[in-house]
Structure formats: C-alpha cells, structure tokens
C-alpha cells in the first residue's frame, strides 16, 4: 500500500512519463524520465506501550532521466537538473503520503522525512547506464505488534 501510494504521488510530477512501483525488466527510452521504487532497509522499531511500534523504512526513488552520453556536451546533465528540486518538493508536500483530499492519508503512516538525494549521478539499470538521481525518504509507520505469551 505504501509502495503504490508513493508511486501515485510520483505520477503527479510534471514531466514523469512512467512510474514503476516494482522494478521492470528494462526501461524503454520512450518512457524516460521514469521513476522506479526500491524498498530500502528498515530500522530498529521504537515500542509504544505493549502493542504498538513505530517502524521506519527507507525508500529509494530512482529517477532515470536520459541515457548517458546522449546529445552534445552537458545536454544530458541539464535535463537532470530540474529533477533535483522537483522530487524533493513533491515528496515534502506529502508528509503523510496523502493525495491532497479529505481522508486520503494512510492512517498508519505517521510521517515521511526527506533524507536527501544523490545529486546527478550515473544510474545503472539492466546493463544500461542512465543519468538521473536517487532520492531517499523514510516512512514512519505505526504498526500493531503481537507479543506472544511468556515473552
């Protein structure tokens, strides 16, 4: 549910042609710029009472903008520049992964925090090199934890 909601939010960014909630086998040039989501590590839970815990998971958002070495010198990098702010502003505008309508937030999402981006870098996907960025967010959720008797 979180993965799909992040994908739905990314789809609202002007200029994104395709969002892949799960990694595809390849990226078509006609789908660029494309976003691909990857679940990153989770961190030590913080218990709240005996039944609930806050759990943080890092999500990696790769924006593949263009194939490397396309165009004249510097042209490919210029295409990536705008994504440095677009991605950050979009994710920060959705602190609980809501879609901007009443009752659209996910009730178990406490908050998201922007963890930064990689800057412009070469991203490899299915043996192909692309220029793009990797953004990172932490999603903090409140989860019910069942503790077994005598533990």
C-alpha atoms as a PDB file:
ATOM      1  CA  UNK A   1       0.000   0.000   0.000  1.00  0.00           C
ATOM      2  CA  UNK A   2       2.856   2.411   0.825  1.00  0.00           C
ATOM      3  CA  UNK A   3       4.720   1.497  -2.349  1.00  0.00           C
ATOM      4  CA  UNK A   4       1.655   2.178  -4.510  1.00  0.00           C
ATOM      5  CA  UNK A   5       0.927   5.473  -2.740  1.00  0.00           C
ATOM      6  CA  UNK A   6       4.482   6.714  -3.326  1.00  0.00           C
ATOM      7  CA  UNK A   7       4.085   5.715  -6.984  1.00  0.00           C
ATOM      8  CA  UNK A   8       0.767   7.610  -7.185  1.00  0.00           C
ATOM      9  CA  UNK A   9       2.435  10.724  -5.768  1.00  0.00           C
ATOM     10  CA  UNK A  10       5.359  10.451  -8.190  1.00  0.00           C
ATOM     11  CA  UNK A  11       2.908  10.200 -11.092  1.00  0.00           C
ATOM     12  CA  UNK A  12       1.737  13.745 -10.251  1.00  0.00           C
ATOM     13  CA  UNK A  13       5.153  15.242 -11.041  1.00  0.00           C
ATOM     14  CA  UNK A  14       5.085  17.158 -14.302  1.00  0.00           C
ATOM     15  CA  UNK A  15       7.400  15.510 -16.800  1.00  0.00           C
ATOM     16  CA  UNK A  16       7.389  11.957 -15.418  1.00  0.00           C
ATOM     17  CA  UNK A  17       6.389   9.633 -18.235  1.00  0.00           C
ATOM     18  CA  UNK A  18       6.326   6.357 -16.314  1.00  0.00           C
ATOM     19  CA  UNK A  19       6.400   5.253 -12.681  1.00  0.00           C
ATOM     20  CA  UNK A  20       7.311   1.681 -11.825  1.00  0.00           C
ATOM     21  CA  UNK A  21       6.287   0.663  -8.300  1.00  0.00           C
ATOM     22  CA  UNK A  22       8.272  -2.541  -8.905  1.00  0.00           C
ATOM     23  CA  UNK A  23      11.428  -2.903 -10.931  1.00  0.00           C
ATOM     24  CA  UNK A  24      10.734  -3.661 -14.611  1.00  0.00           C
ATOM     25  CA  UNK A  25      12.914  -5.897 -16.777  1.00  0.00           C
ATOM     26  CA  UNK A  26      14.127  -2.890 -18.774  1.00  0.00           C
ATOM     27  CA  UNK A  27      13.492   0.794 -19.363  1.00  0.00           C
ATOM     28  CA  UNK A  28      12.388   1.947 -22.802  1.00  0.00           C
ATOM     29  CA  UNK A  29      13.848   5.262 -23.972  1.00  0.00           C
ATOM     30  CA  UNK A  30      10.306   6.387 -24.761  1.00  0.00           C
ATOM     31  CA  UNK A  31       9.404   6.003 -21.048  1.00  0.00           C
ATOM     32  CA  UNK A  32      12.102   8.416 -19.848  1.00  0.00           C
ATOM     33  CA  UNK A  33      12.078  10.194 -17.468  1.00  0.00           C
ATOM     34  CA  UNK A  34      10.940   7.213 -15.430  1.00  0.00           C
ATOM     35  CA  UNK A  35      10.785   6.612 -11.691  1.00  0.00           C
ATOM     36  CA  UNK A  36      11.498   3.225 -10.127  1.00  0.00           C
ATOM     37  CA  UNK A  37      10.875   2.494  -6.442  1.00  0.00           C
ATOM     38  CA  UNK A  38      13.031   0.261  -4.293  1.00  0.00           C
ATOM     39  CA  UNK A  39      12.338  -0.691  -0.678  1.00  0.00           C
ATOM     40  CA  UNK A  40      15.407   0.053   1.394  1.00  0.00           C
ATOM     41  CA  UNK A  41      16.356  -1.059   4.879  1.00  0.00           C
ATOM     42  CA  UNK A  42      14.157  -0.764   7.921  1.00  0.00           C
ATOM     43  CA  UNK A  43      15.493   0.446  11.240  1.00  0.00           C
ATOM     44  CA  UNK A  44      15.115  -0.631  14.855  1.00  0.00           C
ATOM     45  CA  UNK A  45      11.475  -0.283  15.936  1.00  0.00           C
ATOM     46  CA  UNK A  46      10.522   2.022  18.787  1.00  0.00           C
ATOM     47  CA  UNK A  47       7.944   0.326  21.005  1.00  0.00           C
ATOM     48  CA  UNK A  48       4.992   2.378  22.202  1.00  0.00           C
ATOM     49  CA  UNK A  49       3.421   0.524  25.077  1.00  0.00           C
ATOM     50  CA  UNK A  50       2.924  -3.211  24.798  1.00  0.00           C
ATOM     51  CA  UNK A  51       1.037  -3.382  21.498  1.00  0.00           C
ATOM     52  CA  UNK A  52       2.425  -0.827  19.044  1.00  0.00           C
ATOM     53  CA  UNK A  53       5.745   0.141  17.499  1.00  0.00           C
ATOM     54  CA  UNK A  54       6.951   2.904  15.220  1.00  0.00           C
ATOM     55  CA  UNK A  55       8.869   1.414  12.327  1.00  0.00           C
ATOM     56  CA  UNK A  56      10.992   3.365   9.847  1.00  0.00           C
ATOM     57  CA  UNK A  57      11.714   2.113   6.359  1.00  0.00           C
ATOM     58  CA  UNK A  58      13.904   3.863   3.839  1.00  0.00           C
ATOM     59  CA  UNK A  59      12.520   4.074   0.289  1.00  0.00           C
ATOM     60  CA  UNK A  60      14.779   4.738  -2.689  1.00  0.00           C
ATOM     61  CA  UNK A  61      13.283   6.677  -5.575  1.00  0.00           C
ATOM     62  CA  UNK A  62      15.407   6.463  -8.697  1.00  0.00           C
ATOM     63  CA  UNK A  63      14.603   8.922 -11.461  1.00  0.00           C
ATOM     64  CA  UNK A  64      16.148   7.761 -14.740  1.00  0.00           C
ATOM     65  CA  UNK A  65      16.168  10.856 -16.942  1.00  0.00           C
ATOM     66  CA  UNK A  66      18.202  10.076 -20.033  1.00  0.00           C
ATOM     67  CA  UNK A  67      20.722   7.612 -21.390  1.00  0.00           C
ATOM     68  CA  UNK A  68      24.277   8.585 -20.710  1.00  0.00           C
ATOM     69  CA  UNK A  69      26.272  10.300 -23.455  1.00  0.00           C
ATOM     70  CA  UNK A  70      23.176  11.477 -25.308  1.00  0.00           C
ATOM     71  CA  UNK A  71      23.274  14.840 -27.036  1.00  0.00           C
ATOM     72  CA  UNK A  72      26.066  17.401 -27.002  1.00  0.00           C
ATOM     73  CA  UNK A  73      28.344  18.093 -24.034  1.00  0.00           C
ATOM     74  CA  UNK A  74      26.354  18.954 -20.914  1.00  0.00           C
ATOM     75  CA  UNK A  75      22.946  18.480 -22.545  1.00  0.00           C
ATOM     76  CA  UNK A  76      22.133  15.286 -20.653  1.00  0.00           C
ATOM     77  CA  UNK A  77      23.107  16.813 -17.290  1.00  0.00           C
ATOM     78  CA  UNK A  78      20.934  19.857 -17.928  1.00  0.00           C
ATOM     79  CA  UNK A  79      17.932  17.531 -18.338  1.00  0.00           C
ATOM     80  CA  UNK A  80      18.591  16.115 -14.866  1.00  0.00           C
ATOM     81  CA  UNK A  81      18.986  19.484 -13.072  1.00  0.00           C
ATOM     82  CA  UNK A  82      15.255  20.170 -12.682  1.00  0.00           C
ATOM     83  CA  UNK A  83      14.657  16.797 -11.003  1.00  0.00           C
ATOM     84  CA  UNK A  84      16.854  17.751  -8.053  1.00  0.00           C
ATOM     85  CA  UNK A  85      14.169  20.144  -6.800  1.00  0.00           C
ATOM     86  CA  UNK A  86      11.062  18.568  -8.352  1.00  0.00           C
ATOM     87  CA  UNK A  87      11.419  15.307  -6.470  1.00  0.00           C
ATOM     88  CA  UNK A  88      12.259  16.927  -3.141  1.00  0.00           C
ATOM     89  CA  UNK A  89       9.409  19.446  -3.261  1.00  0.00           C
ATOM     90  CA  UNK A  90       6.871  16.814  -4.289  1.00  0.00           C
ATOM     91  CA  UNK A  91       7.740  14.377  -1.525  1.00  0.00           C
ATOM     92  CA  UNK A  92       7.915  17.109   1.138  1.00  0.00           C
ATOM     93  CA  UNK A  93       4.431  18.259   0.090  1.00  0.00           C
ATOM     94  CA  UNK A  94       3.012  14.874   1.170  1.00  0.00           C
ATOM     95  CA  UNK A  95       4.207  14.432   4.797  1.00  0.00           C
ATOM     96  CA  UNK A  96       1.725  11.607   5.455  1.00  0.00           C
ATOM     97  CA  UNK A  97       1.507  10.267   1.894  1.00  0.00           C
ATOM     98  CA  UNK A  98      -1.883  11.881   1.381  1.00  0.00           C
ATOM     99  CA  UNK A  99      -3.181  12.757  -2.064  1.00  0.00           C
ATOM    100  CA  UNK A 100      -4.482  16.208  -1.167  1.00  0.00           C
ATOM    101  CA  UNK A 101      -8.072  15.194  -0.499  1.00  0.00           C
ATOM    102  CA  UNK A 102     -10.014  14.609   2.691  1.00  0.00           C
ATOM    103  CA  UNK A 103      -9.417  11.145   4.157  1.00  0.00           C
ATOM    104  CA  UNK A 104      -6.645  10.383   1.650  1.00  0.00           C
ATOM    105  CA  UNK A 105      -3.813   9.968   4.158  1.00  0.00           C
ATOM    106  CA  UNK A 106      -2.895   6.460   5.127  1.00  0.00           C
ATOM    107  CA  UNK A 107      -3.923   6.129   8.802  1.00  0.00           C
ATOM    108  CA  UNK A 108      -0.919   4.019   9.791  1.00  0.00           C
ATOM    109  CA  UNK A 109       1.633   6.440   8.272  1.00  0.00           C
ATOM    110  CA  UNK A 110       2.888   8.738  10.978  1.00  0.00           C
ATOM    111  CA  UNK A 111       5.147  10.816   8.720  1.00  0.00           C
ATOM    112  CA  UNK A 112       7.699  10.771   5.971  1.00  0.00           C
ATOM    113  CA  UNK A 113      11.010  12.580   6.079  1.00  0.00           C
ATOM    114  CA  UNK A 114      13.090  13.617   3.096  1.00  0.00           C
ATOM    115  CA  UNK A 115      16.557  12.104   3.520  1.00  0.00           C
ATOM    116  CA  UNK A 116      18.163  13.817   0.555  1.00  0.00           C
ATOM    117  CA  UNK A 117      19.259  12.851  -2.917  1.00  0.00           C
ATOM    118  CA  UNK A 118      22.393  11.654  -4.641  1.00  0.00           C
ATOM    119  CA  UNK A 119      22.841  14.683  -6.844  1.00  0.00           C
ATOM    120  CA  UNK A 120      23.284  13.986 -10.539  1.00  0.00           C
ATOM    121  CA  UNK A 121      24.775  10.534 -10.982  1.00  0.00           C
ATOM    122  CA  UNK A 122      25.092   7.610 -13.340  1.00  0.00           C
ATOM    123  CA  UNK A 123      22.424   5.032 -12.523  1.00  0.00           C
ATOM    124  CA  UNK A 124      22.727   1.569 -13.962  1.00  0.00           C
ATOM    125  CA  UNK A 125      19.652  -0.454 -14.859  1.00  0.00           C
ATOM    126  CA  UNK A 126      19.575  -3.782 -16.719  1.00  0.00           C
ATOM    127  CA  UNK A 127      23.073  -3.230 -18.078  1.00  0.00           C
ATOM    128  CA  UNK A 128      22.297   0.265 -19.404  1.00  0.00           C
ATOM    129  CA  UNK A 129      23.747   3.486 -17.980  1.00  0.00           C
ATOM    130  CA  UNK A 130      21.460   6.469 -17.372  1.00  0.00           C
ATOM    131  CA  UNK A 131      21.864   9.911 -15.908  1.00  0.00           C
ATOM    132  CA  UNK A 132      19.454  10.594 -13.082  1.00  0.00           C
ATOM    133  CA  UNK A 133      19.085  10.982  -9.360  1.00  0.00           C
ATOM    134  CA  UNK A 134      18.330   8.775  -6.388  1.00  0.00           C
ATOM    135  CA  UNK A 135      16.066  10.347  -3.779  1.00  0.00           C
ATOM    136  CA  UNK A 136      15.558   8.838  -0.351  1.00  0.00           C
ATOM    137  CA  UNK A 137      12.664   9.116   2.081  1.00  0.00           C
ATOM    138  CA  UNK A 138      11.988   7.492   5.426  1.00  0.00           C
ATOM    139  CA  UNK A 139       8.424   6.400   6.041  1.00  0.00           C
ATOM    140  CA  UNK A 140       7.483   6.055   9.706  1.00  0.00           C
ATOM    141  CA  UNK A 141       4.515   3.774  10.305  1.00  0.00           C
ATOM    142  CA  UNK A 142       2.639   2.786  13.413  1.00  0.00           C
ATOM    143  CA  UNK A 143       2.269  -0.985  13.482  1.00  0.00           C
ATOM    144  CA  UNK A 144       0.415  -3.293  15.856  1.00  0.00           C
ATOM    145  CA  UNK A 145       2.831  -5.831  17.304  1.00  0.00           C
ATOM    146  CA  UNK A 146       1.623  -9.133  18.662  1.00  0.00           C
ATOM    147  CA  UNK A 147       3.791 -10.289  21.524  1.00  0.00           C
ATOM    148  CA  UNK A 148       3.488 -13.958  22.356  1.00  0.00           C
ATOM    149  CA  UNK A 149       2.651 -15.084  25.904  1.00  0.00           C
ATOM    150  CA  UNK A 150       5.575 -15.541  28.299  1.00  0.00           C
ATOM    151  CA  UNK A 151       7.870 -13.317  26.201  1.00  0.00           C
END
